[in-house]
Each structure stands twice: as structure tokens, then as C-alpha cells.
């Protein structure tokens, strides 16, 4: 019986974690609001934006 256990490193490829990087242009005022909420909720701006977008896509209605 061997005295060691060998485990190979997991190789992460772009997108393997279920996330993709998206670049968005925002007005300074919106970023300031997000940063304010971020400080008050102790969440990163990225986490906050994801939470807000997840909530928004669930309630959006499209007018024909």
C-alpha cells in the first residue's frame, strides 16, 4: 500500500465556473449609487450587480 495520495490539479478553462465576463458602460451617477449600496450591504459591486440583475430579469415584462 502506498504512503501517499496523488491528486492532479483541476484545470479551469474560461467559463468553467459558470460565469462570463461582461463589459458594460454605465453613467457615473449609477456607479455611485451602486457603490453606496455596496458599502451599506457589505457586498462587492460585482455581487450587487448580479443580485439586482437576477431580480430584474424575473420581473421584466415585454410590451408587444
C-alpha atoms as a PDB file:
ATOM      1  CA  UNK A   1       0.000   0.000   0.000  1.00  0.00           C
ATOM      2  CA  UNK A   2       1.302   3.453  -0.924  1.00  0.00           C
ATOM      3  CA  UNK A   3       2.043   6.103   1.718  1.00  0.00           C
ATOM      4  CA  UNK A   4       0.869   8.931  -0.493  1.00  0.00           C
ATOM      5  CA  UNK A   5      -2.231  10.023  -2.296  1.00  0.00           C
ATOM      6  CA  UNK A   6      -1.770  11.723  -5.648  1.00  0.00           C
ATOM      7  CA  UNK A   7      -4.372  14.167  -6.905  1.00  0.00           C
ATOM      8  CA  UNK A   8      -3.988  16.056 -10.146  1.00  0.00           C
ATOM      9  CA  UNK A   9      -4.745  19.757 -10.309  1.00  0.00           C
ATOM     10  CA  UNK A  10      -8.062  20.692 -11.830  1.00  0.00           C
ATOM     11  CA  UNK A  11      -7.566  22.843 -14.897  1.00  0.00           C
ATOM     12  CA  UNK A  12     -10.029  25.704 -15.090  1.00  0.00           C
ATOM     13  CA  UNK A  13     -10.882  26.864 -18.546  1.00  0.00           C
ATOM     14  CA  UNK A  14     -12.518  30.181 -19.281  1.00  0.00           C
ATOM     15  CA  UNK A  15     -16.180  29.961 -18.327  1.00  0.00           C
ATOM     16  CA  UNK A  16     -15.850  26.688 -16.382  1.00  0.00           C
ATOM     17  CA  UNK A  17     -17.180  28.321 -13.211  1.00  0.00           C
ATOM     18  CA  UNK A  18     -20.480  29.207 -14.888  1.00  0.00           C
ATOM     19  CA  UNK A  19     -19.644  32.900 -15.182  1.00  0.00           C
ATOM     20  CA  UNK A  20     -18.656  35.023 -18.135  1.00  0.00           C
ATOM     21  CA  UNK A  21     -17.046  38.430 -18.110  1.00  0.00           C
ATOM     22  CA  UNK A  22     -19.250  41.209 -19.479  1.00  0.00           C
ATOM     23  CA  UNK A  23     -18.256  44.808 -20.042  1.00  0.00           C
ATOM     24  CA  UNK A  24     -20.976  47.418 -19.525  1.00  0.00           C
ATOM     25  CA  UNK A  25     -20.838  51.202 -19.862  1.00  0.00           C
ATOM     26  CA  UNK A  26     -22.609  52.999 -17.014  1.00  0.00           C
ATOM     27  CA  UNK A  27     -23.105  56.606 -16.039  1.00  0.00           C
ATOM     28  CA  UNK A  28     -21.032  57.872 -13.129  1.00  0.00           C
ATOM     29  CA  UNK A  29     -24.204  58.553 -11.126  1.00  0.00           C
ATOM     30  CA  UNK A  30     -25.335  54.922 -11.425  1.00  0.00           C
ATOM     31  CA  UNK A  31     -21.926  53.627 -10.363  1.00  0.00           C
ATOM     32  CA  UNK A  32     -22.001  55.992  -7.377  1.00  0.00           C
ATOM     33  CA  UNK A  33     -25.423  54.618  -6.365  1.00  0.00           C
ATOM     34  CA  UNK A  34     -24.196  51.046  -6.732  1.00  0.00           C
ATOM     35  CA  UNK A  35     -21.082  51.818  -4.690  1.00  0.00           C
ATOM     36  CA  UNK A  36     -23.221  53.385  -1.958  1.00  0.00           C
ATOM     37  CA  UNK A  37     -25.474  50.317  -1.781  1.00  0.00           C
ATOM     38  CA  UNK A  38     -22.377  48.122  -1.905  1.00  0.00           C
ATOM     39  CA  UNK A  39     -20.913  49.795   1.184  1.00  0.00           C
ATOM     40  CA  UNK A  40     -24.219  49.695   3.071  1.00  0.00           C
ATOM     41  CA  UNK A  41     -24.764  45.985   2.330  1.00  0.00           C
ATOM     42  CA  UNK A  42     -21.126  44.893   2.691  1.00  0.00           C
ATOM     43  CA  UNK A  43     -21.223  43.300  -0.779  1.00  0.00           C
ATOM     44  CA  UNK A  44     -18.915  43.814  -3.726  1.00  0.00           C
ATOM     45  CA  UNK A  45     -20.158  45.884  -6.637  1.00  0.00           C
ATOM     46  CA  UNK A  46     -19.993  42.755  -8.817  1.00  0.00           C
ATOM     47  CA  UNK A  47     -22.094  40.707  -6.384  1.00  0.00           C
ATOM     48  CA  UNK A  48     -24.598  43.524  -6.041  1.00  0.00           C
ATOM     49  CA  UNK A  49     -24.982  43.952  -9.812  1.00  0.00           C
ATOM     50  CA  UNK A  50     -25.568  40.210 -10.191  1.00  0.00           C
ATOM     51  CA  UNK A  51     -28.213  40.218  -7.444  1.00  0.00           C
ATOM     52  CA  UNK A  52     -30.002  43.194  -8.975  1.00  0.00           C
ATOM     53  CA  UNK A  53     -29.933  41.747 -12.493  1.00  0.00           C
ATOM     54  CA  UNK A  54     -31.192  38.349 -11.301  1.00  0.00           C
ATOM     55  CA  UNK A  55     -34.116  40.076  -9.599  1.00  0.00           C
ATOM     56  CA  UNK A  56     -34.838  42.317 -12.596  1.00  0.00           C
ATOM     57  CA  UNK A  57     -34.962  39.564 -15.226  1.00  0.00           C
ATOM     58  CA  UNK A  58     -37.599  37.740 -13.175  1.00  0.00           C
ATOM     59  CA  UNK A  59     -40.000  40.710 -13.207  1.00  0.00           C
ATOM     60  CA  UNK A  60     -39.419  42.232 -16.642  1.00  0.00           C
ATOM     61  CA  UNK A  61     -42.476  42.424 -18.917  1.00  0.00           C
ATOM     62  CA  UNK A  62     -42.142  42.903 -22.662  1.00  0.00           C
ATOM     63  CA  UNK A  63     -44.778  45.012 -24.396  1.00  0.00           C
ATOM     64  CA  UNK A  64     -45.664  43.940 -27.915  1.00  0.00           C
END
